[in-house]
Amino acid sequence: MTSFRFAVNVTPKPGILDPAGRAVEGSLGHLGIDGVHDVRIGRRVELTVDADDEAGARGTADRLAGELLSNPLIEAYAIELLGATSSAVSDPAADDGAEVPTTAGVGEG
């Protein structure tokens, strides 16, 4: 069995009001920051799923994202694979410990 580490990024769907994003965008001028716009505020959930393969782990993460971590009516989510660790004995010298995120599909619920 392998442990797969995922990040689920949840944001308001396009066209859905984002008062927190608008508040941040409105404060940028007070900080003297120009050239930043279309600010959207969301949340990130990191989790580890134990499964036989990446497809099974991603399926579990997708189900959690669509049914528990997001509101499919007003939010979209994206799943990133952060890394995988096998329970089998491996060579620790071969792993530099760096997590390399990869972009996954966007769930619409």
C-alpha atoms as a PDB file:
ATOM      1  CA  MET A   1       0.000   0.000   0.000  1.00  0.00           C
ATOM      2  CA  THR A   2       1.185   3.511  -0.805  1.00  0.00           C
ATOM      3  CA  SER A   3       0.419   6.821   0.901  1.00  0.00           C
ATOM      4  CA  PHE A   4      -0.447   9.643  -1.497  1.00  0.00           C
ATOM      5  CA  ARG A   5      -0.309  13.263  -0.309  1.00  0.00           C
ATOM      6  CA  PHE A   6      -2.796  15.627  -1.959  1.00  0.00           C
ATOM      7  CA  ALA A   7      -3.722  19.289  -1.694  1.00  0.00           C
ATOM      8  CA  VAL A   8      -7.310  20.275  -2.445  1.00  0.00           C
ATOM      9  CA  ASN A   9      -7.663  23.952  -3.416  1.00  0.00           C
ATOM     10  CA  VAL A  10     -11.219  25.254  -3.133  1.00  0.00           C
ATOM     11  CA  THR A  11     -12.222  28.617  -4.641  1.00  0.00           C
ATOM     12  CA  PRO A  12     -15.462  30.379  -5.531  1.00  0.00           C
ATOM     13  CA  LYS A  13     -16.681  29.507  -9.013  1.00  0.00           C
ATOM     14  CA  PRO A  14     -16.364  32.222 -11.658  1.00  0.00           C
ATOM     15  CA  GLY A  15     -19.313  34.596 -11.409  1.00  0.00           C
ATOM     16  CA  ILE A  16     -19.856  33.905  -7.694  1.00  0.00           C
ATOM     17  CA  LEU A  17     -19.371  36.950  -5.468  1.00  0.00           C
ATOM     18  CA  ASP A  18     -16.196  36.849  -3.388  1.00  0.00           C
ATOM     19  CA  PRO A  19     -16.420  39.561  -0.698  1.00  0.00           C
ATOM     20  CA  ALA A  20     -13.123  38.542   0.912  1.00  0.00           C
ATOM     21  CA  GLY A  21     -11.335  38.751  -2.420  1.00  0.00           C
ATOM     22  CA  ARG A  22     -12.868  42.149  -3.107  1.00  0.00           C
ATOM     23  CA  ALA A  23     -11.779  43.390   0.337  1.00  0.00           C
ATOM     24  CA  VAL A  24      -8.189  42.297  -0.290  1.00  0.00           C
ATOM     25  CA  GLU A  25      -8.231  43.859  -3.742  1.00  0.00           C
ATOM     26  CA  GLY A  26      -9.606  47.081  -2.289  1.00  0.00           C
ATOM     27  CA  SER A  27      -6.769  47.237   0.254  1.00  0.00           C
ATOM     28  CA  LEU A  28      -3.964  46.888  -2.263  1.00  0.00           C
ATOM     29  CA  GLY A  29      -3.880  50.630  -3.018  1.00  0.00           C
ATOM     30  CA  HIS A  30      -3.370  51.412   0.666  1.00  0.00           C
ATOM     31  CA  LEU A  31      -0.291  49.225   0.577  1.00  0.00           C
ATOM     32  CA  GLY A  32       1.035  50.900  -2.549  1.00  0.00           C
ATOM     33  CA  ILE A  33       0.663  47.732  -4.618  1.00  0.00           C
ATOM     34  CA  ASP A  34      -0.340  48.187  -8.247  1.00  0.00           C
ATOM     35  CA  GLY A  35      -1.023  45.698 -11.011  1.00  0.00           C
ATOM     36  CA  VAL A  36      -2.843  43.074  -8.919  1.00  0.00           C
ATOM     37  CA  HIS A  37      -6.465  42.284  -9.739  1.00  0.00           C
ATOM     38  CA  ASP A  38      -9.044  39.484  -9.897  1.00  0.00           C
ATOM     39  CA  VAL A  39      -8.243  38.388  -6.335  1.00  0.00           C
ATOM     40  CA  ARG A  40     -10.137  35.265  -5.231  1.00  0.00           C
ATOM     41  CA  ILE A  41      -9.963  33.931  -1.674  1.00  0.00           C
ATOM     42  CA  GLY A  42     -10.310  30.208  -1.112  1.00  0.00           C
ATOM     43  CA  ARG A  43      -8.916  27.526   1.122  1.00  0.00           C
ATOM     44  CA  ARG A  44      -6.425  24.694   0.877  1.00  0.00           C
ATOM     45  CA  VAL A  45      -6.803  21.293   2.508  1.00  0.00           C
ATOM     46  CA  GLU A  46      -3.881  18.862   2.591  1.00  0.00           C
ATOM     47  CA  LEU A  47      -4.518  15.176   3.198  1.00  0.00           C
ATOM     48  CA  THR A  48      -2.929  11.756   2.859  1.00  0.00           C
ATOM     49  CA  VAL A  49      -4.762   8.832   1.290  1.00  0.00           C
ATOM     50  CA  ASP A  50      -3.574   5.222   1.586  1.00  0.00           C
ATOM     51  CA  ALA A  51      -4.355   3.235  -1.556  1.00  0.00           C
ATOM     52  CA  ASP A  52      -2.951   0.600  -3.890  1.00  0.00           C
ATOM     53  CA  ASP A  53      -2.406   3.082  -6.727  1.00  0.00           C
ATOM     54  CA  GLU A  54      -2.624   6.772  -7.580  1.00  0.00           C
ATOM     55  CA  ALA A  55      -5.922   6.403  -9.432  1.00  0.00           C
ATOM     56  CA  GLY A  56      -7.623   4.926  -6.360  1.00  0.00           C
ATOM     57  CA  ALA A  57      -6.148   7.567  -4.067  1.00  0.00           C
ATOM     58  CA  ARG A  58      -7.128  10.376  -6.428  1.00  0.00           C
ATOM     59  CA  GLY A  59     -10.663   8.959  -6.621  1.00  0.00           C
ATOM     60  CA  THR A  60     -10.937   9.122  -2.837  1.00  0.00           C
ATOM     61  CA  ALA A  61      -9.550  12.679  -2.772  1.00  0.00           C
ATOM     62  CA  ASP A  62     -11.953  13.703  -5.547  1.00  0.00           C
ATOM     63  CA  ARG A  63     -14.926  12.270  -3.681  1.00  0.00           C
ATOM     64  CA  LEU A  64     -13.916  14.084  -0.480  1.00  0.00           C
ATOM     65  CA  ALA A  65     -13.426  17.336  -2.384  1.00  0.00           C
ATOM     66  CA  GLY A  66     -16.760  17.098  -4.178  1.00  0.00           C
ATOM     67  CA  GLU A  67     -18.908  15.848  -1.308  1.00  0.00           C
ATOM     68  CA  LEU A  68     -17.320  17.260   1.853  1.00  0.00           C
ATOM     69  CA  LEU A  69     -14.671  19.908   1.279  1.00  0.00           C
ATOM     70  CA  SER A  70     -16.510  22.099  -1.242  1.00  0.00           C
ATOM     71  CA  ASN A  71     -20.006  23.326  -1.988  1.00  0.00           C
ATOM     72  CA  PRO A  72     -20.524  22.260  -5.617  1.00  0.00           C
ATOM     73  CA  LEU A  73     -23.121  24.973  -6.206  1.00  0.00           C
ATOM     74  CA  ILE A  74     -20.740  27.870  -5.595  1.00  0.00           C
ATOM     75  CA  GLU A  75     -17.207  26.435  -5.392  1.00  0.00           C
ATOM     76  CA  ALA A  76     -14.755  24.707  -7.696  1.00  0.00           C
ATOM     77  CA  TYR A  77     -11.811  22.620  -6.574  1.00  0.00           C
ATOM     78  CA  ALA A  78      -8.483  21.481  -7.950  1.00  0.00           C
ATOM     79  CA  ILE A  79      -6.519  18.521  -6.667  1.00  0.00           C
ATOM     80  CA  GLU A  80      -2.710  18.492  -6.627  1.00  0.00           C
ATOM     81  CA  LEU A  81      -0.608  15.412  -6.012  1.00  0.00           C
ATOM     82  CA  LEU A  82       2.112  16.482  -3.596  1.00  0.00           C
ATOM     83  CA  GLY A  83       3.911  13.153  -3.348  1.00  0.00           C
ATOM     84  CA  ALA A  84       3.677   9.438  -2.708  1.00  0.00           C
ATOM     85  CA  THR A  85       5.407   7.191  -0.212  1.00  0.00           C
ATOM     86  CA  SER A  86       5.373   3.428  -0.490  1.00  0.00           C
ATOM     87  CA  SER A  87       5.225   1.269   2.595  1.00  0.00           C
ATOM     88  CA  ALA A  88       7.821  -0.951   0.909  1.00  0.00           C
ATOM     89  CA  VAL A  89      11.452  -0.520   1.932  1.00  0.00           C
ATOM     90  CA  SER A  90      13.107   2.125  -0.228  1.00  0.00           C
ATOM     91  CA  ASP A  91      16.503   3.779  -0.550  1.00  0.00           C
ATOM     92  CA  PRO A  92      16.335   7.003   1.519  1.00  0.00           C
ATOM     93  CA  ALA A  93      19.351   8.379  -0.387  1.00  0.00           C
ATOM     94  CA  ALA A  94      17.235   8.382  -3.589  1.00  0.00           C
ATOM     95  CA  ASP A  95      14.630  10.702  -2.042  1.00  0.00           C
ATOM     96  CA  ASP A  96      15.700  14.319  -1.667  1.00  0.00           C
ATOM     97  CA  GLY A  97      12.529  15.077   0.322  1.00  0.00           C
ATOM     98  CA  ALA A  98      11.295  17.734  -2.101  1.00  0.00           C
ATOM     99  CA  GLU A  99       7.588  17.868  -2.764  1.00  0.00           C
ATOM    100  CA  VAL A 100       6.764  18.618  -6.380  1.00  0.00           C
ATOM    101  CA  PRO A 101       3.140  19.657  -6.893  1.00  0.00           C
ATOM    102  CA  THR A 102       1.426  18.571 -10.070  1.00  0.00           C
ATOM    103  CA  THR A 103      -1.784  20.122 -11.283  1.00  0.00           C
ATOM    104  CA  ALA A 104      -4.774  17.812 -11.502  1.00  0.00           C
ATOM    105  CA  GLY A 105      -8.174  18.262 -13.025  1.00  0.00           C
ATOM    106  CA  VAL A 106     -10.660  20.762 -11.712  1.00  0.00           C
ATOM    107  CA  GLY A 107     -13.776  19.288 -10.163  1.00  0.00           C
ATOM    108  CA  GLU A 108     -17.043  21.024 -10.712  1.00  0.00           C
ATOM    109  CA  GLY A 109     -19.033  18.761  -8.397  1.00  0.00           C
END
